[in-house]
């Protein structure tokens, strides 16, 4: 990770954490003004915690038992008061954006601290995603409108006996199943095939939205940019991303958009195969999934790419074929 980006994001985390703690103090003070007994209980609980620690150090078992009883009694009284005010215990806890790392960016894993996925995602957003998946507030399943697709069955045009609307409903169900079974190593990756303007990128973002809610990391790359960055790194070019390979292999969900628009050469074939194959085999010792989006047909993929790449896609990806009229005009 770029050290400057990390410093920048950690500074934001520090500010978020401070704001959460500041808001908590304000909520507490407002409540204390309304109910003095709450303030007394919190002070008694604080003193009990100190005395509890002293008793443990002095091995005073009787005192420990009495203090535990007192703490439970005080907690019950506190909860009763909060409930009478239509509040719960969480009201008097800091409201951090990430409940896993409490907005520190790191979590304890045994004897060491590891980077929380929320921090990884923030860095991915700066270094890779930028504007690519920056519209997640709008591009989600709540705004997924299947009525933009025609109900008309046109076998002569699409070579299939269901309408574009029924087809997109099936693809949506496949996407939801993919999300629900993300942790299942047997769940296949996805490849979206079809012309521009049929909702492939929109649906990718819908999925990304849900995967992020599961505290997973998502990295979006267009095939041309991704492969150029890898080649730049391999040749040691100035300002190349030193973590590009590690990030592409380890991110929970990798979205490769616009496959087929890159300039093809043997080096890029090798790099693309390594990325696809390593993620399929979970050689990074974690479950990772990939979504590929392309305007190419399966026949085109076989004719353009190394057979090893095409066979991996056919064997380990669920093929979702988009068809219909360009919905961007609707």
Protein backbone atom coordinates (compact mmCIF):
# COMPACT_ATOMS: atom_id res chain seq x y z
CA UNK A 1 0.00 0.00 0.00
CA UNK A 2 1.17 3.52 -0.75
CA UNK A 3 2.47 5.00 2.52
CA UNK A 4 1.11 8.47 1.75
CA UNK A 5 -2.36 7.07 1.06
CA UNK A 6 -2.19 5.03 4.26
CA UNK A 7 -1.26 8.10 6.32
CA UNK A 8 -4.06 10.07 4.70
CA UNK A 9 -6.69 7.40 5.39
CA UNK A 10 -5.51 6.77 8.97
CA UNK A 11 -5.83 10.48 9.64
CA UNK A 12 -9.44 10.27 8.45
CA UNK A 13 -9.98 7.27 10.72
CA UNK A 14 -8.58 9.19 13.67
CA UNK A 15 -11.02 12.02 12.97
CA UNK A 16 -13.96 9.60 12.59
CA UNK A 17 -13.09 7.89 15.86
CA UNK A 18 -12.72 11.19 17.68
CA UNK A 19 -16.09 12.35 16.31
CA UNK A 20 -17.79 9.13 17.48
CA UNK A 21 -16.36 9.52 20.99
CA UNK A 22 -17.24 13.21 21.04
CA UNK A 23 -20.83 12.42 20.02
CA UNK A 24 -21.01 9.82 22.78
CA UNK A 25 -19.98 12.35 25.42
CA UNK A 26 -22.63 14.75 24.16
CA UNK A 27 -25.32 12.05 24.35
CA UNK A 28 -24.19 11.15 27.85
CA UNK A 29 -24.24 14.72 29.09
CA UNK A 30 -27.68 15.32 27.60
CA UNK A 31 -29.00 12.21 29.34
CA UNK A 32 -27.33 13.08 32.64
CA UNK A 33 -29.15 16.41 32.64
CA UNK A 34 -32.45 14.57 32.23
CA UNK A 35 -31.68 11.81 34.72
CA UNK A 36 -29.04 12.37 37.41
CA UNK A 37 -29.31 8.75 38.52
CA UNK A 38 -27.77 7.59 35.23
CA UNK A 39 -24.67 9.65 35.92
CA UNK A 40 -24.45 8.20 39.44
CA UNK A 41 -24.75 4.65 38.09
CA UNK A 42 -21.97 5.23 35.55
CA UNK A 43 -19.71 6.60 38.29
CA UNK A 44 -20.50 3.64 40.54
CA UNK A 45 -19.81 1.20 37.68
CA UNK A 46 -16.49 2.91 37.02
CA UNK A 47 -15.50 2.65 40.69
CA UNK A 48 -16.66 -0.97 40.79
CA UNK A 49 -14.43 -1.80 37.84
CA UNK A 50 -11.41 -0.30 39.63
CA UNK A 51 -12.20 -2.16 42.86
CA UNK A 52 -12.77 -5.36 40.86
CA UNK A 53 -9.27 -5.12 39.41
CA UNK A 54 -7.79 -4.49 42.86
CA UNK A 55 -9.61 -7.49 44.32
CA UNK A 56 -8.30 -9.77 41.56
CA UNK A 57 -4.75 -8.60 42.24
CA UNK A 58 -5.22 -9.19 45.97
CA UNK A 59 -7.02 -12.54 45.39
CA UNK A 60 -10.02 -11.45 47.49
CA UNK A 61 -12.64 -13.90 46.22
CA UNK A 62 -15.43 -12.64 48.52
CA UNK A 63 -14.93 -9.07 47.34
CA UNK A 64 -14.91 -10.20 43.70
CA UNK A 65 -18.24 -11.97 44.13
CA UNK A 66 -19.85 -8.98 45.88
CA UNK A 67 -18.56 -6.58 43.22
CA UNK A 68 -19.94 -8.76 40.44
CA UNK A 69 -23.36 -8.77 42.09
CA UNK A 70 -23.23 -5.02 42.51
CA UNK A 71 -22.25 -4.48 38.86
CA UNK A 72 -25.11 -6.65 37.61
CA UNK A 73 -27.57 -4.82 39.83
CA UNK A 74 -26.36 -1.43 38.58
CA UNK A 75 -26.51 -2.57 34.93
CA UNK A 76 -30.09 -3.75 35.34
CA UNK A 77 -31.07 -0.45 36.93
CA UNK A 78 -29.36 1.47 34.13
CA UNK A 79 -31.11 -0.56 31.44
CA UNK A 80 -34.46 -0.04 33.14
CA UNK A 81 -33.95 3.75 33.09
CA UNK A 82 -32.86 3.70 29.44
CA UNK A 83 -35.87 1.60 28.45
CA UNK A 84 -38.16 4.06 30.21
CA UNK A 85 -36.67 6.71 27.88
CA UNK A 86 -37.22 4.42 24.83
CA UNK A 87 -33.46 3.86 24.52
CA UNK A 88 -31.25 0.80 24.63
CA UNK A 89 -27.73 0.16 25.92
CA UNK A 90 -26.19 0.93 22.52
CA UNK A 91 -27.27 4.54 22.88
CA UNK A 92 -24.51 4.97 25.45
CA UNK A 93 -21.87 3.29 23.33
CA UNK A 94 -19.72 4.98 20.65
CA UNK A 95 -21.27 4.63 17.19
CA UNK A 96 -18.26 3.69 15.10
CA UNK A 97 -18.63 3.21 11.35
CA UNK A 98 -16.82 -0.12 11.60
CA UNK A 99 -17.84 -2.24 14.56
CA UNK A 100 -14.99 -4.68 13.90
CA UNK A 101 -12.02 -2.33 14.32
CA UNK A 102 -13.90 0.52 16.06
CA UNK A 103 -12.58 2.91 13.40
CA UNK A 104 -8.94 2.24 14.21
CA UNK A 105 -8.29 0.43 10.92
CA UNK A 106 -6.67 -2.52 12.68
CA UNK A 107 -7.81 -5.60 14.61
CA UNK A 108 -5.90 -7.83 17.00
CA UNK A 109 -5.13 -11.28 15.63
CA UNK A 110 -3.35 -13.17 18.35
CA UNK A 111 0.00 -11.55 18.99
CA UNK A 112 -0.18 -9.02 16.16
CA UNK A 113 -2.47 -6.43 14.65
CA UNK A 114 -3.76 -6.89 11.12
CA UNK A 115 -5.37 -4.41 8.77
CA UNK A 116 -9.16 -4.40 8.95
CA UNK A 117 -11.01 -4.99 5.68
CA UNK A 118 -12.63 -1.57 5.97
CA UNK A 119 -9.18 0.08 5.84
CA UNK A 120 -8.09 -2.16 2.95
CA UNK A 121 -11.22 -1.13 1.06
CA UNK A 122 -10.58 2.57 1.64
CA UNK A 123 -7.09 2.15 0.21
CA UNK A 124 -8.41 0.14 -2.75
CA UNK A 125 -10.91 2.92 -3.44
CA UNK A 126 -8.13 5.50 -3.56
CA UNK A 127 -5.55 3.46 -5.46
CA UNK A 128 -7.76 1.54 -7.88
CA UNK A 129 -11.51 1.99 -7.76
CA UNK A 130 -11.66 5.79 -7.64
CA UNK A 131 -14.71 6.71 -9.73
CA UNK A 132 -15.26 3.18 -11.04
CA UNK A 133 -17.46 1.97 -8.22
CA UNK A 134 -18.05 5.37 -6.69
CA UNK A 135 -21.75 5.40 -7.56
CA UNK A 136 -22.81 2.58 -5.24
CA UNK A 137 -25.42 4.74 -3.53
CA UNK A 138 -27.45 4.65 -6.74
CA UNK A 139 -26.29 1.43 -8.37
CA UNK A 140 -27.79 -1.14 -6.02
CA UNK A 141 -30.58 -3.72 -5.97
CA UNK A 142 -33.04 -1.17 -4.58
CA UNK A 143 -32.70 0.73 -7.86
CA UNK A 144 -32.57 -2.36 -10.06
CA UNK A 145 -35.42 -1.91 -12.54
CA UNK A 146 -36.23 -5.03 -14.53
CA UNK A 147 -39.07 -3.16 -16.28
CA UNK A 148 -36.47 -1.40 -18.43
CA UNK A 149 -36.14 -4.68 -20.32
CA UNK A 150 -38.66 -5.70 -22.96
CA UNK A 151 -41.30 -8.37 -22.33
CA UNK A 152 -41.29 -9.29 -26.00
CA UNK A 153 -39.90 -12.69 -27.01
CA UNK A 154 -37.87 -12.36 -30.20
CA UNK A 155 -36.31 -15.72 -31.09
CA UNK A 156 -35.16 -14.55 -34.51
CA UNK A 157 -33.19 -11.68 -32.96
CA UNK A 158 -31.84 -13.23 -29.74
CA UNK A 159 -31.95 -16.98 -30.51
CA UNK A 160 -33.67 -17.69 -27.21
CA UNK A 161 -37.28 -18.35 -26.21
CA UNK A 162 -37.60 -16.00 -23.25
CA UNK A 163 -37.91 -12.23 -23.17
CA UNK A 164 -35.08 -9.90 -22.14
CA UNK A 165 -37.08 -9.16 -18.96
CA UNK A 166 -37.35 -12.82 -17.96
CA UNK A 167 -33.68 -13.23 -18.77
CA UNK A 168 -32.58 -10.36 -16.55
CA UNK A 169 -34.73 -11.74 -13.71
CA UNK A 170 -32.85 -15.04 -14.00
CA UNK A 171 -29.50 -13.23 -14.01
CA UNK A 172 -30.54 -11.21 -10.96
CA UNK A 173 -31.37 -14.43 -9.10
CA UNK A 174 -27.97 -15.86 -10.08
CA UNK A 175 -26.33 -12.70 -8.71
CA UNK A 176 -28.24 -12.92 -5.41
CA UNK A 177 -27.32 -16.59 -5.07
CA UNK A 178 -23.68 -15.65 -5.73
CA UNK A 179 -23.82 -13.10 -2.90
CA UNK A 180 -25.53 -15.46 -0.44
CA UNK A 181 -23.04 -18.25 -1.15
CA UNK A 182 -19.94 -16.09 -1.43
CA UNK A 183 -18.09 -18.07 1.26
CA UNK A 184 -18.83 -21.38 -0.45
CA UNK A 185 -15.71 -22.57 -2.33
CA UNK A 186 -17.97 -24.46 -4.75
CA UNK A 187 -19.87 -21.32 -5.77
CA UNK A 188 -18.79 -20.41 -9.28
CA UNK A 189 -17.48 -17.04 -10.41
CA UNK A 190 -19.56 -14.94 -12.82
CA UNK A 191 -19.00 -13.76 -16.37
CA UNK A 192 -21.38 -11.19 -17.84
CA UNK A 193 -21.55 -11.34 -21.63
CA UNK A 194 -23.44 -8.93 -23.87
CA UNK A 195 -23.42 -5.65 -25.74
CA UNK A 196 -22.86 -2.28 -24.07
CA UNK A 197 -25.81 -0.64 -22.36
CA UNK A 198 -27.48 -3.80 -21.07
CA UNK A 199 -26.70 -3.36 -17.37
CA UNK A 200 -23.58 -5.50 -16.90
CA UNK A 201 -21.65 -2.84 -14.99
CA UNK A 202 -24.75 -1.81 -13.04
CA UNK A 203 -25.31 -5.38 -11.85
CA UNK A 204 -21.61 -5.73 -10.98
CA UNK A 205 -21.97 -2.68 -8.76
CA UNK A 206 -25.13 -4.08 -7.18
CA UNK A 207 -23.16 -7.18 -6.22
CA UNK A 208 -20.18 -5.10 -5.03
CA UNK A 209 -22.54 -3.16 -2.78
CA UNK A 210 -23.77 -6.30 -1.05
CA UNK A 211 -20.32 -7.84 -0.73
CA UNK A 212 -19.03 -4.65 0.92
CA UNK A 213 -21.86 -4.95 3.47
CA UNK A 214 -20.41 -8.33 4.41
CA UNK A 215 -17.16 -6.58 5.35
CA UNK A 216 -15.43 -8.01 2.29
CA UNK A 217 -13.05 -6.14 0.03
CA UNK A 218 -13.86 -5.28 -3.58
CA UNK A 219 -11.42 -4.20 -6.26
CA UNK A 220 -12.68 -2.96 -9.63
CA UNK A 221 -10.36 -2.88 -12.65
CA UNK A 222 -10.89 -2.56 -16.36
CA UNK A 223 -8.91 -5.25 -18.17
CA UNK A 224 -6.70 -2.74 -20.09
CA UNK A 225 -5.75 -0.77 -16.97
CA UNK A 226 -5.20 -3.90 -14.86
CA UNK A 227 -2.93 -5.61 -17.36
CA UNK A 228 -0.97 -2.42 -18.13
CA UNK A 229 -0.35 -1.88 -14.41
CA UNK A 230 0.87 -5.46 -14.03
CA UNK A 231 3.27 -5.10 -16.99
CA UNK A 232 4.56 -1.76 -15.64
CA UNK A 233 5.27 -3.47 -12.32
CA UNK A 234 7.01 -6.41 -13.98
CA UNK A 235 9.31 -4.04 -15.88
CA UNK A 236 9.95 -1.92 -12.78
CA UNK A 237 8.65 1.27 -14.33
CA UNK A 238 8.67 4.44 -12.17
CA UNK A 239 5.53 4.97 -10.07
CA UNK A 240 4.32 1.43 -10.77
CA UNK A 241 2.18 -0.09 -8.02
CA UNK A 242 4.36 -2.47 -6.01
CA UNK A 243 1.35 -4.23 -4.51
CA UNK A 244 -0.66 -4.76 -7.68
CA UNK A 245 -0.22 -8.55 -7.89
CA UNK A 246 -0.80 -9.16 -4.17
CA UNK A 247 -3.93 -7.03 -4.19
CA UNK A 248 -5.39 -8.64 -7.30
CA UNK A 249 -4.84 -12.11 -5.89
CA UNK A 250 -6.03 -11.42 -2.34
CA UNK A 251 -9.01 -9.10 -2.69
CA UNK A 252 -12.24 -10.91 -1.80
CA UNK A 253 -14.10 -9.85 -4.95
CA UNK A 254 -12.25 -8.81 -8.09
CA UNK A 255 -14.34 -7.22 -10.84
CA UNK A 256 -12.62 -7.22 -14.25
CA UNK A 257 -14.59 -5.01 -16.62
CA UNK A 258 -14.24 -4.59 -20.39
CA UNK A 259 -12.35 -7.81 -21.03
CA UNK A 260 -11.43 -7.84 -24.71
CA UNK A 261 -10.70 -4.12 -25.03
CA UNK A 262 -7.03 -4.49 -24.00
CA UNK A 263 -4.15 -4.70 -26.45
CA UNK A 264 -3.29 -8.38 -26.69
CA UNK A 265 0.20 -9.85 -26.38
CA UNK A 266 1.75 -13.01 -24.97
CA UNK A 267 2.82 -11.37 -21.69
CA UNK A 268 -0.69 -10.18 -21.00
CA UNK A 269 -2.04 -13.65 -21.78
CA UNK A 270 0.27 -15.10 -19.12
CA UNK A 271 -0.62 -12.46 -16.51
CA UNK A 272 -4.35 -12.76 -17.15
CA UNK A 273 -4.17 -16.55 -16.85
CA UNK A 274 -2.23 -16.32 -13.59
CA UNK A 275 -4.78 -13.96 -12.06
CA UNK A 276 -7.79 -16.03 -13.16
CA UNK A 277 -6.24 -19.40 -12.31
CA UNK A 278 -4.82 -18.44 -8.91
CA UNK A 279 -8.13 -17.01 -7.79
CA UNK A 280 -10.03 -20.09 -9.02
CA UNK A 281 -7.74 -22.47 -7.14
CA UNK A 282 -7.70 -20.29 -4.00
CA UNK A 283 -3.92 -20.59 -4.01
CA UNK A 284 -3.79 -17.54 -1.76
CA UNK A 285 -5.37 -19.71 0.99
CA UNK A 286 -8.64 -17.78 1.13
CA UNK A 287 -11.93 -17.88 -0.73
CA UNK A 288 -11.92 -15.30 -3.48
CA UNK A 289 -14.42 -14.66 -6.23
CA UNK A 290 -14.20 -12.90 -9.60
CA UNK A 291 -16.70 -11.22 -11.90
CA UNK A 292 -15.70 -10.68 -15.53
CA UNK A 293 -17.69 -8.38 -17.79
CA UNK A 294 -17.19 -8.39 -21.55
CA UNK A 295 -18.79 -7.50 -24.87
CA UNK A 296 -17.23 -10.64 -26.34
CA UNK A 297 -19.17 -13.84 -26.99
CA UNK A 298 -17.85 -17.17 -25.73
CA UNK A 299 -16.82 -17.96 -29.30
CA UNK A 300 -14.83 -14.71 -29.41
CA UNK A 301 -13.13 -15.55 -26.11
CA UNK A 302 -12.02 -18.93 -27.49
CA UNK A 303 -10.71 -17.36 -30.68
CA UNK A 304 -8.89 -14.43 -29.04
CA UNK A 305 -7.44 -15.90 -25.85
CA UNK A 306 -5.19 -18.79 -24.93
CA UNK A 307 -7.27 -21.97 -24.65
CA UNK A 308 -6.24 -22.27 -20.99
CA UNK A 309 -7.96 -18.95 -20.22
CA UNK A 310 -11.11 -19.83 -22.15
CA UNK A 311 -11.36 -23.29 -20.56
CA UNK A 312 -11.01 -21.81 -17.05
CA UNK A 313 -13.82 -19.36 -17.76
CA UNK A 314 -16.13 -22.01 -19.22
CA UNK A 315 -15.39 -24.48 -16.42
CA UNK A 316 -15.36 -22.22 -13.37
CA UNK A 317 -17.69 -19.33 -14.26
CA UNK A 318 -21.45 -19.12 -14.52
CA UNK A 319 -22.14 -17.52 -17.89
CA UNK A 320 -24.79 -14.79 -17.82
CA UNK A 321 -25.77 -13.60 -21.28
CA UNK A 322 -27.34 -10.13 -21.40
CA UNK A 323 -29.50 -9.20 -24.38
CA UNK A 324 -32.16 -6.69 -25.35
CA UNK A 325 -32.25 -2.99 -26.21
CA UNK A 326 -29.82 -0.45 -24.78
CA UNK A 327 -31.40 0.52 -21.45
CA UNK A 328 -29.31 3.69 -21.12
CA UNK A 329 -31.77 5.42 -23.44
CA UNK A 330 -34.67 4.46 -21.20
